[in-house]
């Protein structure tokens, strides 16, 4: 069994920093709760993790399938609950891809494999939120 471990160190006010895989990562809050807005909030960073996980899967699979694309983007729209603890209740992933003569069946296969088999972050999100997705061909 592999493990991940991080340390999150307080800097000042609501600003914290961590090293993740040797890279500096900061989180902060806005002024209404004592922060200084110097870094992203923790919950949106969860969405970045989700987008990154599935995007890397899809790009890797598309490259293996020899799908040539000129643009690939993952956009996430998420709804938070009204009551505390405020959690994501609905998360919608939009895969956007552009290229000449893209085989849509291969793109759909790559996205489905990411969602059904490979993306561990998607699997975690499904434990607490309704997770849906779509593919947009630009």
C-alpha atoms as a PDB file:
ATOM      1  CA  UNK A   1       0.000   0.000   0.000  1.00  0.00           C
ATOM      2  CA  UNK A   2       1.416   3.388  -0.950  1.00  0.00           C
ATOM      3  CA  UNK A   3       0.898   6.513   1.129  1.00  0.00           C
ATOM      4  CA  UNK A   4       0.928  10.233   0.556  1.00  0.00           C
ATOM      5  CA  UNK A   5       1.950  12.620   3.283  1.00  0.00           C
ATOM      6  CA  UNK A   6       2.008  16.398   3.348  1.00  0.00           C
ATOM      7  CA  UNK A   7       2.737  19.063   5.947  1.00  0.00           C
ATOM      8  CA  UNK A   8       0.789  22.317   5.930  1.00  0.00           C
ATOM      9  CA  UNK A   9       2.547  25.077   7.830  1.00  0.00           C
ATOM     10  CA  UNK A  10       0.919  28.271   9.067  1.00  0.00           C
ATOM     11  CA  UNK A  11       2.518  31.474   7.750  1.00  0.00           C
ATOM     12  CA  UNK A  12       0.240  34.250   9.049  1.00  0.00           C
ATOM     13  CA  UNK A  13      -3.447  35.066   9.366  1.00  0.00           C
ATOM     14  CA  UNK A  14      -5.082  32.302   7.260  1.00  0.00           C
ATOM     15  CA  UNK A  15      -2.122  31.789   4.899  1.00  0.00           C
ATOM     16  CA  UNK A  16      -0.542  28.329   4.922  1.00  0.00           C
ATOM     17  CA  UNK A  17       2.100  26.687   2.757  1.00  0.00           C
ATOM     18  CA  UNK A  18       3.046  23.151   1.876  1.00  0.00           C
ATOM     19  CA  UNK A  19       5.495  21.357  -0.341  1.00  0.00           C
ATOM     20  CA  UNK A  20       3.834  18.874  -2.666  1.00  0.00           C
ATOM     21  CA  UNK A  21       6.174  16.736  -4.755  1.00  0.00           C
ATOM     22  CA  UNK A  22       8.848  19.375  -4.167  1.00  0.00           C
ATOM     23  CA  UNK A  23       6.623  22.271  -5.306  1.00  0.00           C
ATOM     24  CA  UNK A  24       5.420  25.093  -3.085  1.00  0.00           C
ATOM     25  CA  UNK A  25       1.640  25.231  -2.665  1.00  0.00           C
ATOM     26  CA  UNK A  26      -0.172  27.917  -0.692  1.00  0.00           C
ATOM     27  CA  UNK A  27      -3.743  28.209   0.551  1.00  0.00           C
ATOM     28  CA  UNK A  28      -5.427  31.283   1.983  1.00  0.00           C
ATOM     29  CA  UNK A  29      -8.850  32.699   2.741  1.00  0.00           C
ATOM     30  CA  UNK A  30     -10.494  35.982   1.840  1.00  0.00           C
ATOM     31  CA  UNK A  31     -10.574  38.974   4.193  1.00  0.00           C
ATOM     32  CA  UNK A  32     -14.107  38.228   5.438  1.00  0.00           C
ATOM     33  CA  UNK A  33     -12.737  35.255   7.408  1.00  0.00           C
ATOM     34  CA  UNK A  34      -9.324  36.647   8.337  1.00  0.00           C
ATOM     35  CA  UNK A  35      -7.347  35.845   5.216  1.00  0.00           C
ATOM     36  CA  UNK A  36      -5.337  38.067   2.884  1.00  0.00           C
ATOM     37  CA  UNK A  37      -6.356  36.482  -0.452  1.00  0.00           C
ATOM     38  CA  UNK A  38      -2.741  35.632  -1.363  1.00  0.00           C
ATOM     39  CA  UNK A  39      -3.522  32.093  -2.536  1.00  0.00           C
ATOM     40  CA  UNK A  40      -6.389  29.844  -3.651  1.00  0.00           C
ATOM     41  CA  UNK A  41      -8.966  28.405  -1.266  1.00  0.00           C
ATOM     42  CA  UNK A  42      -8.750  24.685  -0.376  1.00  0.00           C
ATOM     43  CA  UNK A  43     -12.038  23.540  -1.954  1.00  0.00           C
ATOM     44  CA  UNK A  44     -11.328  24.907  -5.452  1.00  0.00           C
ATOM     45  CA  UNK A  45      -7.932  23.178  -5.276  1.00  0.00           C
ATOM     46  CA  UNK A  46      -9.862  19.923  -4.946  1.00  0.00           C
ATOM     47  CA  UNK A  47     -11.422  20.740  -8.327  1.00  0.00           C
ATOM     48  CA  UNK A  48      -7.959  21.399  -9.768  1.00  0.00           C
ATOM     49  CA  UNK A  49      -6.927  17.936  -8.542  1.00  0.00           C
ATOM     50  CA  UNK A  50      -9.973  16.388 -10.183  1.00  0.00           C
ATOM     51  CA  UNK A  51      -9.364  18.209 -13.468  1.00  0.00           C
ATOM     52  CA  UNK A  52      -5.666  17.366 -13.432  1.00  0.00           C
ATOM     53  CA  UNK A  53      -6.214  13.679 -12.718  1.00  0.00           C
ATOM     54  CA  UNK A  54      -8.730  13.088 -15.478  1.00  0.00           C
ATOM     55  CA  UNK A  55      -6.992  15.414 -17.966  1.00  0.00           C
ATOM     56  CA  UNK A  56      -3.703  13.526 -17.611  1.00  0.00           C
ATOM     57  CA  UNK A  57      -5.528  10.223 -18.096  1.00  0.00           C
ATOM     58  CA  UNK A  58      -7.329  11.416 -21.210  1.00  0.00           C
ATOM     59  CA  UNK A  59      -4.280  13.012 -22.837  1.00  0.00           C
ATOM     60  CA  UNK A  60      -2.186   9.914 -22.148  1.00  0.00           C
ATOM     61  CA  UNK A  61      -4.859   7.647 -23.627  1.00  0.00           C
ATOM     62  CA  UNK A  62      -5.400   9.892 -26.660  1.00  0.00           C
ATOM     63  CA  UNK A  63      -1.666   9.892 -27.340  1.00  0.00           C
ATOM     64  CA  UNK A  64      -1.594   6.081 -27.140  1.00  0.00           C
ATOM     65  CA  UNK A  65      -4.557   5.958 -29.561  1.00  0.00           C
ATOM     66  CA  UNK A  66      -2.729   8.374 -31.865  1.00  0.00           C
ATOM     67  CA  UNK A  67      -5.456  11.002 -31.719  1.00  0.00           C
ATOM     68  CA  UNK A  68      -4.040  14.320 -32.878  1.00  0.00           C
ATOM     69  CA  UNK A  69      -5.580  17.369 -31.234  1.00  0.00           C
ATOM     70  CA  UNK A  70      -4.614  21.026 -31.173  1.00  0.00           C
ATOM     71  CA  UNK A  71      -6.515  22.018 -28.030  1.00  0.00           C
ATOM     72  CA  UNK A  72      -7.658  20.184 -24.915  1.00  0.00           C
ATOM     73  CA  UNK A  73      -9.257  21.732 -21.854  1.00  0.00           C
ATOM     74  CA  UNK A  74     -11.096  20.487 -18.803  1.00  0.00           C
ATOM     75  CA  UNK A  75     -13.640  22.800 -17.198  1.00  0.00           C
ATOM     76  CA  UNK A  76     -15.409  21.939 -13.953  1.00  0.00           C
ATOM     77  CA  UNK A  77     -18.635  23.379 -12.613  1.00  0.00           C
ATOM     78  CA  UNK A  78     -19.416  22.471  -8.994  1.00  0.00           C
ATOM     79  CA  UNK A  79     -22.267  23.211  -6.597  1.00  0.00           C
ATOM     80  CA  UNK A  80     -21.749  23.581  -2.857  1.00  0.00           C
ATOM     81  CA  UNK A  81     -24.278  22.709  -0.185  1.00  0.00           C
ATOM     82  CA  UNK A  82     -25.938  25.623   1.619  1.00  0.00           C
ATOM     83  CA  UNK A  83     -25.303  24.325   5.129  1.00  0.00           C
ATOM     84  CA  UNK A  84     -22.098  23.676   7.005  1.00  0.00           C
ATOM     85  CA  UNK A  85     -19.997  21.762   6.419  1.00  0.00           C
ATOM     86  CA  UNK A  86     -20.261  23.138   2.883  1.00  0.00           C
ATOM     87  CA  UNK A  87     -19.399  20.293   0.548  1.00  0.00           C
ATOM     88  CA  UNK A  88     -19.610  19.764  -3.177  1.00  0.00           C
ATOM     89  CA  UNK A  89     -22.913  18.088  -3.982  1.00  0.00           C
ATOM     90  CA  UNK A  90     -22.865  18.193  -7.790  1.00  0.00           C
ATOM     91  CA  UNK A  91     -19.789  18.273 -10.001  1.00  0.00           C
ATOM     92  CA  UNK A  92     -19.915  18.475 -13.793  1.00  0.00           C
ATOM     93  CA  UNK A  93     -16.776  17.952 -15.898  1.00  0.00           C
ATOM     94  CA  UNK A  94     -16.648  19.423 -19.399  1.00  0.00           C
ATOM     95  CA  UNK A  95     -13.956  18.030 -21.677  1.00  0.00           C
ATOM     96  CA  UNK A  96     -13.234  20.402 -24.565  1.00  0.00           C
ATOM     97  CA  UNK A  97     -11.192  19.224 -27.528  1.00  0.00           C
ATOM     98  CA  UNK A  98     -10.314  20.619 -30.927  1.00  0.00           C
ATOM     99  CA  UNK A  99      -8.439  19.187 -33.871  1.00  0.00           C
ATOM    100  CA  UNK A 100      -8.713  18.125 -37.490  1.00  0.00           C
ATOM    101  CA  UNK A 101     -10.513  14.834 -38.150  1.00  0.00           C
ATOM    102  CA  UNK A 102     -10.767  13.811 -34.499  1.00  0.00           C
ATOM    103  CA  UNK A 103     -12.246  10.352 -34.084  1.00  0.00           C
ATOM    104  CA  UNK A 104     -14.979  11.010 -31.549  1.00  0.00           C
ATOM    105  CA  UNK A 105     -15.235   7.344 -30.624  1.00  0.00           C
ATOM    106  CA  UNK A 106     -11.623   7.382 -29.422  1.00  0.00           C
ATOM    107  CA  UNK A 107     -12.173  10.546 -27.389  1.00  0.00           C
ATOM    108  CA  UNK A 108     -15.266   9.018 -25.802  1.00  0.00           C
ATOM    109  CA  UNK A 109     -13.346   5.829 -25.019  1.00  0.00           C
ATOM    110  CA  UNK A 110     -10.511   7.802 -23.392  1.00  0.00           C
ATOM    111  CA  UNK A 111     -12.905   9.869 -21.268  1.00  0.00           C
ATOM    112  CA  UNK A 112     -14.906   6.807 -20.224  1.00  0.00           C
ATOM    113  CA  UNK A 113     -11.745   4.898 -19.291  1.00  0.00           C
ATOM    114  CA  UNK A 114     -10.590   7.824 -17.188  1.00  0.00           C
ATOM    115  CA  UNK A 115     -13.931   8.092 -15.414  1.00  0.00           C
ATOM    116  CA  UNK A 116     -14.609   4.378 -14.984  1.00  0.00           C
ATOM    117  CA  UNK A 117     -11.149   2.934 -14.413  1.00  0.00           C
ATOM    118  CA  UNK A 118      -8.183   5.246 -13.985  1.00  0.00           C
ATOM    119  CA  UNK A 119      -8.977   8.560 -12.274  1.00  0.00           C
ATOM    120  CA  UNK A 120      -8.787   7.969  -8.546  1.00  0.00           C
ATOM    121  CA  UNK A 121      -9.812  11.541  -7.800  1.00  0.00           C
ATOM    122  CA  UNK A 122     -13.064  11.027  -9.738  1.00  0.00           C
ATOM    123  CA  UNK A 123     -13.676   7.864  -7.731  1.00  0.00           C
ATOM    124  CA  UNK A 124     -13.180   9.813  -4.497  1.00  0.00           C
ATOM    125  CA  UNK A 125     -15.516  12.609  -5.624  1.00  0.00           C
ATOM    126  CA  UNK A 126     -18.233  10.051  -6.390  1.00  0.00           C
ATOM    127  CA  UNK A 127     -18.241   9.138  -2.687  1.00  0.00           C
ATOM    128  CA  UNK A 128     -19.727  12.525  -1.749  1.00  0.00           C
ATOM    129  CA  UNK A 129     -21.047  14.208  -4.910  1.00  0.00           C
ATOM    130  CA  UNK A 130     -23.046  13.520  -8.041  1.00  0.00           C
ATOM    131  CA  UNK A 131     -20.389  13.459 -10.768  1.00  0.00           C
ATOM    132  CA  UNK A 132     -21.370  13.975 -14.417  1.00  0.00           C
ATOM    133  CA  UNK A 133     -19.427  14.796 -17.573  1.00  0.00           C
ATOM    134  CA  UNK A 134     -19.731  15.782 -21.202  1.00  0.00           C
ATOM    135  CA  UNK A 135     -17.444  16.180 -24.191  1.00  0.00           C
ATOM    136  CA  UNK A 136     -17.497  19.298 -26.359  1.00  0.00           C
ATOM    137  CA  UNK A 137     -15.911  19.185 -29.801  1.00  0.00           C
ATOM    138  CA  UNK A 138     -14.792  22.692 -30.733  1.00  0.00           C
END
